PDB file of all heavy atoms in Angstrom:
ATOM      1  N   GLN A   1      75.788 100.721 160.352  1.00  0.00           N
ATOM      2  CA  GLN A   1      75.091 100.523 159.076  1.00  0.00           C
ATOM      3  C   GLN A   1      73.914  99.564 159.257  1.00  0.00           C
ATOM      4  O   GLN A   1      73.951  98.420 158.797  1.00  0.00           O
ATOM      5  CB  GLN A   1      76.060  99.975 158.020  1.00  0.00           C
ATOM      6  CG  GLN A   1      77.236 100.884 157.732  1.00  0.00           C
ATOM      7  CD  GLN A   1      78.225 100.250 156.763  1.00  0.00           C
ATOM      8  OE1 GLN A   1      77.938  99.278 156.087  1.00  0.00           O
ATOM      9  NE2 GLN A   1      79.421 100.814 156.679  1.00  0.00           N
ATOM     10  N   PRO A   2      72.881  99.984 159.933  1.00  0.00           N
ATOM     11  CA  PRO A   2      71.773  99.072 160.238  1.00  0.00           C
ATOM     12  C   PRO A   2      70.989  98.601 159.024  1.00  0.00           C
ATOM     13  O   PRO A   2      70.147  97.706 159.157  1.00  0.00           O
ATOM     14  CB  PRO A   2      70.891  99.905 161.178  1.00  0.00           C
ATOM     15  CG  PRO A   2      71.204 101.329 160.819  1.00  0.00           C
ATOM     16  CD  PRO A   2      72.650 101.339 160.467  1.00  0.00           C
ATOM     17  N   ASN A   3      71.247  99.160 157.853  1.00  0.00           N
ATOM     18  CA  ASN A   3      70.511  98.752 156.659  1.00  0.00           C
ATOM     19  C   ASN A   3      71.333  97.889 155.707  1.00  0.00           C
ATOM     20  O   ASN A   3      70.933  97.660 154.571  1.00  0.00           O
ATOM     21  CB  ASN A   3      69.995  99.987 155.917  1.00  0.00           C
ATOM     22  CG  ASN A   3      68.934 100.725 156.706  1.00  0.00           C
ATOM     23  OD1 ASN A   3      68.039 100.110 157.280  1.00  0.00           O
ATOM     24  ND2 ASN A   3      69.043 102.046 156.763  1.00  0.00           N
ATOM     25  N   HIS A   4      72.497  97.403 156.170  1.00  0.00           N
ATOM     26  CA  HIS A   4      73.338  96.550 155.349  1.00  0.00           C
ATOM     27  C   HIS A   4      73.633  95.236 156.069  1.00  0.00           C
ATOM     28  O   HIS A   4      73.855  95.231 157.282  1.00  0.00           O
ATOM     29  CB  HIS A   4      74.664  97.230 155.013  1.00  0.00           C
ATOM     30  CG  HIS A   4      74.521  98.472 154.191  1.00  0.00           C
ATOM     31  ND1 HIS A   4      74.306  99.710 154.743  1.00  0.00           N
ATOM     32  CD2 HIS A   4      74.565  98.660 152.849  1.00  0.00           C
ATOM     33  CE1 HIS A   4      74.226 100.617 153.780  1.00  0.00           C
ATOM     34  NE2 HIS A   4      74.374 100.006 152.626  1.00  0.00           N
ATOM     35  N   ILE A   5      73.647  94.147 155.314  1.00  0.00           N
ATOM     36  CA  ILE A   5      74.017  92.839 155.847  1.00  0.00           C
ATOM     37  C   ILE A   5      75.400  92.475 155.312  1.00  0.00           C
ATOM     38  O   ILE A   5      75.631  92.509 154.099  1.00  0.00           O
ATOM     39  CB  ILE A   5      73.011  91.747 155.428  1.00  0.00           C
ATOM     40  CG1 ILE A   5      71.608  92.077 155.936  1.00  0.00           C
ATOM     41  CG2 ILE A   5      73.453  90.380 155.945  1.00  0.00           C
ATOM     42  CD1 ILE A   5      70.533  91.152 155.385  1.00  0.00           C
ATOM     43  N   TYR A   6      76.309  92.124 156.216  1.00  0.00           N
ATOM     44  CA  TYR A   6      77.604  91.564 155.846  1.00  0.00           C
ATOM     45  C   TYR A   6      77.531  90.047 156.021  1.00  0.00           C
ATOM     46  O   TYR A   6      76.959  89.565 157.008  1.00  0.00           O
ATOM     47  CB  TYR A   6      78.711  92.116 156.735  1.00  0.00           C
ATOM     48  CG  TYR A   6      79.072  93.555 156.518  1.00  0.00           C
ATOM     49  CD1 TYR A   6      78.268  94.586 157.015  1.00  0.00           C
ATOM     50  CD2 TYR A   6      80.230  93.904 155.831  1.00  0.00           C
ATOM     51  CE1 TYR A   6      78.604  95.922 156.826  1.00  0.00           C
ATOM     52  CE2 TYR A   6      80.583  95.240 155.645  1.00  0.00           C
ATOM     53  CZ  TYR A   6      79.763  96.242 156.138  1.00  0.00           C
ATOM     54  OH  TYR A   6      80.102  97.568 155.955  1.00  0.00           O
ATOM     55  N   PHE A   7      78.145  89.295 155.115  1.00  0.00           N
ATOM     56  CA  PHE A   7      78.152  87.838 155.272  1.00  0.00           C
ATOM     57  C   PHE A   7      79.359  87.246 154.564  1.00  0.00           C
ATOM     58  O   PHE A   7      80.012  87.909 153.746  1.00  0.00           O
ATOM     59  CB  PHE A   7      76.847  87.205 154.776  1.00  0.00           C
ATOM     60  CG  PHE A   7      76.519  87.412 153.326  1.00  0.00           C
ATOM     61  CD1 PHE A   7      76.712  86.391 152.391  1.00  0.00           C
ATOM     62  CD2 PHE A   7      75.982  88.606 152.876  1.00  0.00           C
ATOM     63  CE1 PHE A   7      76.400  86.580 151.049  1.00  0.00           C
ATOM     64  CE2 PHE A   7      75.656  88.804 151.546  1.00  0.00           C
ATOM     65  CZ  PHE A   7      75.865  87.783 150.626  1.00  0.00           C
ATOM     66  N   THR A   8      79.665  86.001 154.892  1.00  0.00           N
ATOM     67  CA  THR A   8      80.843  85.329 154.355  1.00  0.00           C
ATOM     68  C   THR A   8      80.455  84.163 153.459  1.00  0.00           C
ATOM     69  O   THR A   8      79.472  83.461 153.717  1.00  0.00           O
ATOM     70  CB  THR A   8      81.739  84.786 155.481  1.00  0.00           C
ATOM     71  OG1 THR A   8      80.998  83.822 156.250  1.00  0.00           O
ATOM     72  CG2 THR A   8      82.206  85.900 156.400  1.00  0.00           C
ATOM     73  N   ILE A   9      81.246  83.975 152.406  1.00  0.00           N
ATOM     74  CA  ILE A   9      81.231  82.731 151.629  1.00  0.00           C
ATOM     75  C   ILE A   9      82.689  82.309 151.477  1.00  0.00           C
ATOM     76  O   ILE A   9      83.547  83.130 151.123  1.00  0.00           O
ATOM     77  CB  ILE A   9      80.579  82.888 150.250  1.00  0.00           C
ATOM     78  CG1 ILE A   9      79.115  83.329 150.382  1.00  0.00           C
ATOM     79  CG2 ILE A   9      80.643  81.570 149.473  1.00  0.00           C
ATOM     80  CD1 ILE A   9      78.390  83.475 149.056  1.00  0.00           C
ATOM     81  N   GLY A  10      82.993  81.049 151.767  1.00  0.00           N
ATOM     82  CA  GLY A  10      84.356  80.551 151.632  1.00  0.00           C
ATOM     83  C   GLY A  10      84.727  80.289 150.181  1.00  0.00           C
ATOM     84  O   GLY A  10      83.943  80.526 149.253  1.00  0.00           O
ATOM     85  N   ASP A  11      85.929  79.787 149.991  1.00  0.00           N
ATOM     86  CA  ASP A  11      86.431  79.551 148.621  1.00  0.00           C
ATOM     87  C   ASP A  11      85.973  78.225 148.041  1.00  0.00           C
ATOM     88  O   ASP A  11      86.466  77.784 146.995  1.00  0.00           O
ATOM     89  CB  ASP A  11      87.958  79.653 148.589  1.00  0.00           C
ATOM     90  CG  ASP A  11      88.664  78.496 149.294  1.00  0.00           C
ATOM     91  OD1 ASP A  11      87.969  77.664 149.939  1.00  0.00           O
ATOM     92  OD2 ASP A  11      89.903  78.422 149.215  1.00  0.00           O
ATOM     93  N   LEU A  12      85.031  77.549 148.728  1.00  0.00           N
ATOM     94  CA  LEU A  12      84.460  76.260 148.304  1.00  0.00           C
ATOM     95  C   LEU A  12      85.521  75.168 148.248  1.00  0.00           C
ATOM     96  O   LEU A  12      85.321  74.125 147.618  1.00  0.00           O
ATOM     97  CB  LEU A  12      83.762  76.370 146.943  1.00  0.00           C
ATOM     98  CG  LEU A  12      82.710  77.484 146.799  1.00  0.00           C
ATOM     99  CD1 LEU A  12      81.981  77.359 145.464  1.00  0.00           C
ATOM    100  CD2 LEU A  12      81.723  77.472 147.950  1.00  0.00           C
ATOM    101  N   ALA A  13      86.669  75.409 148.905  1.00  0.00           N
ATOM    102  CA  ALA A  13      87.776  74.435 148.936  1.00  0.00           C
ATOM    103  C   ALA A  13      88.249  74.082 147.537  1.00  0.00           C
ATOM    104  O   ALA A  13      88.726  72.978 147.284  1.00  0.00           O
ATOM    105  CB  ALA A  13      87.372  73.172 149.705  1.00  0.00           C
ATOM    106  N   TYR A  14      88.189  75.040 146.634  1.00  0.00           N
ATOM    107  CA  TYR A  14      88.534  74.797 145.228  1.00  0.00           C
ATOM    108  C   TYR A  14      89.978  75.219 144.959  1.00  0.00           C
ATOM    109  O   TYR A  14      90.341  76.378 145.174  1.00  0.00           O
ATOM    110  CB  TYR A  14      87.577  75.573 144.323  1.00  0.00           C
ATOM    111  CG  TYR A  14      87.832  75.375 142.844  1.00  0.00           C
ATOM    112  CD1 TYR A  14      87.476  74.190 142.215  1.00  0.00           C
ATOM    113  CD2 TYR A  14      88.430  76.381 142.092  1.00  0.00           C
ATOM    114  CE1 TYR A  14      87.705  74.006 140.855  1.00  0.00           C
ATOM    115  CE2 TYR A  14      88.665  76.209 140.731  1.00  0.00           C
ATOM    116  CZ  TYR A  14      88.293  75.017 140.126  1.00  0.00           C
ATOM    117  OH  TYR A  14      88.530  74.837 138.784  1.00  0.00           O
ATOM    118  N   GLN A  15      90.806  74.269 144.496  1.00  0.00           N
ATOM    119  CA  GLN A  15      92.187  74.546 144.081  1.00  0.00           C
ATOM    120  C   GLN A  15      92.941  75.351 145.142  1.00  0.00           C
ATOM    121  O   GLN A  15      93.527  76.406 144.868  1.00  0.00           O
ATOM    122  CB  GLN A  15      92.194  75.296 142.738  1.00  0.00           C
ATOM    123  CG  GLN A  15      91.653  74.517 141.574  1.00  0.00           C
ATOM    124  CD  GLN A  15      92.595  73.422 141.102  1.00  0.00           C
ATOM    125  OE1 GLN A  15      93.766  73.401 141.438  1.00  0.00           O
ATOM    126  NE2 GLN A  15      92.074  72.492 140.307  1.00  0.00           N
ATOM    127  N   GLN A  16      92.989  74.793 146.360  1.00  0.00           N
ATOM    128  CA  GLN A  16      93.572  75.534 147.475  1.00  0.00           C
ATOM    129  C   GLN A  16      95.082  75.741 147.367  1.00  0.00           C
ATOM    130  O   GLN A  16      95.625  76.661 147.963  1.00  0.00           O
ATOM    131  CB  GLN A  16      93.261  74.824 148.796  1.00  0.00           C
ATOM    132  CG  GLN A  16      91.770  74.786 149.114  1.00  0.00           C
ATOM    133  CD  GLN A  16      91.527  74.252 150.495  1.00  0.00           C
ATOM    134  OE1 GLN A  16      91.696  74.972 151.480  1.00  0.00           O
ATOM    135  NE2 GLN A  16      91.159  72.992 150.598  1.00  0.00           N
ATOM    136  N   SER A  17      95.740  74.879 146.615  1.00  0.00           N
ATOM    137  CA  SER A  17      97.189  75.014 146.477  1.00  0.00           C
ATOM    138  C   SER A  17      97.585  75.706 145.177  1.00  0.00           C
ATOM    139  O   SER A  17      98.761  75.755 144.824  1.00  0.00           O
ATOM    140  CB  SER A  17      97.851  73.629 146.552  1.00  0.00           C
ATOM    141  OG  SER A  17      97.605  73.032 147.811  1.00  0.00           O
ATOM    142  N   ASN A  18      96.595  76.225 144.481  1.00  0.00           N
ATOM    143  CA  ASN A  18      96.865  76.849 143.182  1.00  0.00           C
ATOM    144  C   ASN A  18      96.286  78.259 143.163  1.00  0.00           C
ATOM    145  O   ASN A  18      95.097  78.443 142.863  1.00  0.00           O
ATOM    146  CB  ASN A  18      96.264  76.013 142.055  1.00  0.00           C
ATOM    147  CG  ASN A  18      96.718  76.466 140.678  1.00  0.00           C
ATOM    148  OD1 ASN A  18      97.009  77.639 140.465  1.00  0.00           O
ATOM    149  ND2 ASN A  18      96.784  75.529 139.745  1.00  0.00           N
ATOM    150  N   PRO A  19      97.097  79.271 143.473  1.00  0.00           N
ATOM    151  CA  PRO A  19      96.578  80.641 143.500  1.00  0.00           C
ATOM    152  C   PRO A  19      96.010  81.111 142.168  1.00  0.00           C
ATOM    153  O   PRO A  19      95.145  81.991 142.144  1.00  0.00           O
ATOM    154  CB  PRO A  19      97.810  81.471 143.890  1.00  0.00           C
ATOM    155  CG  PRO A  19      98.716  80.514 144.575  1.00  0.00           C
ATOM    156  CD  PRO A  19      98.497  79.194 143.905  1.00  0.00           C
ATOM    157  N   THR A  20      96.468  80.537 141.086  1.00  0.00           N
ATOM    158  CA  THR A  20      95.969  80.948 139.774  1.00  0.00           C
ATOM    159  C   THR A  20      94.522  80.537 139.572  1.00  0.00           C
ATOM    160  O   THR A  20      93.722  81.275 138.980  1.00  0.00           O
ATOM    161  CB  THR A  20      96.839  80.341 138.659  1.00  0.00           C
ATOM    162  OG1 THR A  20      98.195  80.752 138.839  1.00  0.00           O
ATOM    163  CG2 THR A  20      96.357  80.790 137.290  1.00  0.00           C
ATOM    164  N   LEU A  21      94.165  79.357 140.084  1.00  0.00           N
ATOM    165  CA  LEU A  21      92.815  78.835 139.870  1.00  0.00           C
ATOM    166  C   LEU A  21      91.868  79.068 141.040  1.00  0.00           C
ATOM    167  O   LEU A  21      90.654  79.041 140.856  1.00  0.00           O
ATOM    168  CB  LEU A  21      92.891  77.333 139.566  1.00  0.00           C
ATOM    169  CG  LEU A  21      93.663  76.947 138.295  1.00  0.00           C
ATOM    170  CD1 LEU A  21      93.701  75.424 138.152  1.00  0.00           C
ATOM    171  CD2 LEU A  21      93.032  77.588 137.058  1.00  0.00           C
ATOM    172  N   ASN A  22      92.397  79.252 142.248  1.00  0.00           N
ATOM    173  CA  ASN A  22      91.539  79.446 143.414  1.00  0.00           C
ATOM    174  C   ASN A  22      90.637  80.675 143.230  1.00  0.00           C
ATOM    175  O   ASN A  22      91.033  81.681 142.645  1.00  0.00           O
ATOM    176  CB  ASN A  22      92.396  79.606 144.672  1.00  0.00           C
ATOM    177  CG  ASN A  22      91.568  79.676 145.935  1.00  0.00           C
ATOM    178  OD1 ASN A  22      91.218  80.758 146.406  1.00  0.00           O
ATOM    179  ND2 ASN A  22      91.248  78.526 146.501  1.00  0.00           N
ATOM    180  N   TYR A  23      89.421  80.591 143.762  1.00  0.00           N
ATOM    181  CA  TYR A  23      88.432  81.659 143.585  1.00  0.00           C
ATOM    182  C   TYR A  23      88.734  82.931 144.384  1.00  0.00           C
ATOM    183  O   TYR A  23      88.334  84.031 144.001  1.00  0.00           O
ATOM    184  CB  TYR A  23      87.057  81.165 144.038  1.00  0.00           C
ATOM    185  CG  TYR A  23      86.435  80.075 143.200  1.00  0.00           C
ATOM    186  CD1 TYR A  23      85.858  78.960 143.819  1.00  0.00           C
ATOM    187  CD2 TYR A  23      86.391  80.165 141.817  1.00  0.00           C
ATOM    188  CE1 TYR A  23      85.252  77.952 143.068  1.00  0.00           C
ATOM    189  CE2 TYR A  23      85.793  79.153 141.054  1.00  0.00           C
ATOM    190  CZ  TYR A  23      85.228  78.053 141.686  1.00  0.00           C
ATOM    191  OH  TYR A  23      84.640  77.071 140.946  1.00  0.00           O
ATOM    192  N   ALA A  24      89.414  82.787 145.526  1.00  0.00           N
ATOM    193  CA  ALA A  24      89.418  83.853 146.535  1.00  0.00           C
ATOM    194  C   ALA A  24      90.050  85.156 146.069  1.00  0.00           C
ATOM    195  O   ALA A  24      89.655  86.228 146.511  1.00  0.00           O
ATOM    196  CB  ALA A  24      90.116  83.362 147.797  1.00  0.00           C
ATOM    197  N   ASN A  25      91.067  85.087 145.187  1.00  0.00           N
ATOM    198  CA  ASN A  25      91.781  86.315 144.812  1.00  0.00           C
ATOM    199  C   ASN A  25      91.244  86.974 143.547  1.00  0.00           C
ATOM    200  O   ASN A  25      91.885  87.863 142.991  1.00  0.00           O
ATOM    201  CB  ASN A  25      93.281  86.023 144.656  1.00  0.00           C
ATOM    202  CG  ASN A  25      93.571  84.957 143.604  1.00  0.00           C
ATOM    203  OD1 ASN A  25      92.670  84.550 142.874  1.00  0.00           O
ATOM    204  ND2 ASN A  25      94.815  84.508 143.537  1.00  0.00           N
ATOM    205  N   LYS A  26      90.065  86.556 143.097  1.00  0.00           N
ATOM    206  CA  LYS A  26      89.484  87.106 141.875  1.00  0.00           C
ATOM    207  C   LYS A  26      88.246  87.937 142.202  1.00  0.00           C
ATOM    208  O   LYS A  26      87.412  87.537 143.019  1.00  0.00           O
ATOM    209  CB  LYS A  26      89.130  85.986 140.903  1.00  0.00           C
ATOM    210  CG  LYS A  26      90.360  85.184 140.457  1.00  0.00           C
ATOM    211  CD  LYS A  26      89.949  83.979 139.642  1.00  0.00           C
ATOM    212  CE  LYS A  26      91.194  83.228 139.162  1.00  0.00           C
ATOM    213  NZ  LYS A  26      92.020  82.745 140.295  1.00  0.00           N
TER     214      LYS A  26
END
């Protein structure tokens, strides 16, 4: 896919012990 860029952004270390509030699963 030479016309697409893949990249990462982390969860900003926000509410890591709280799955309800953490950003990653939304």
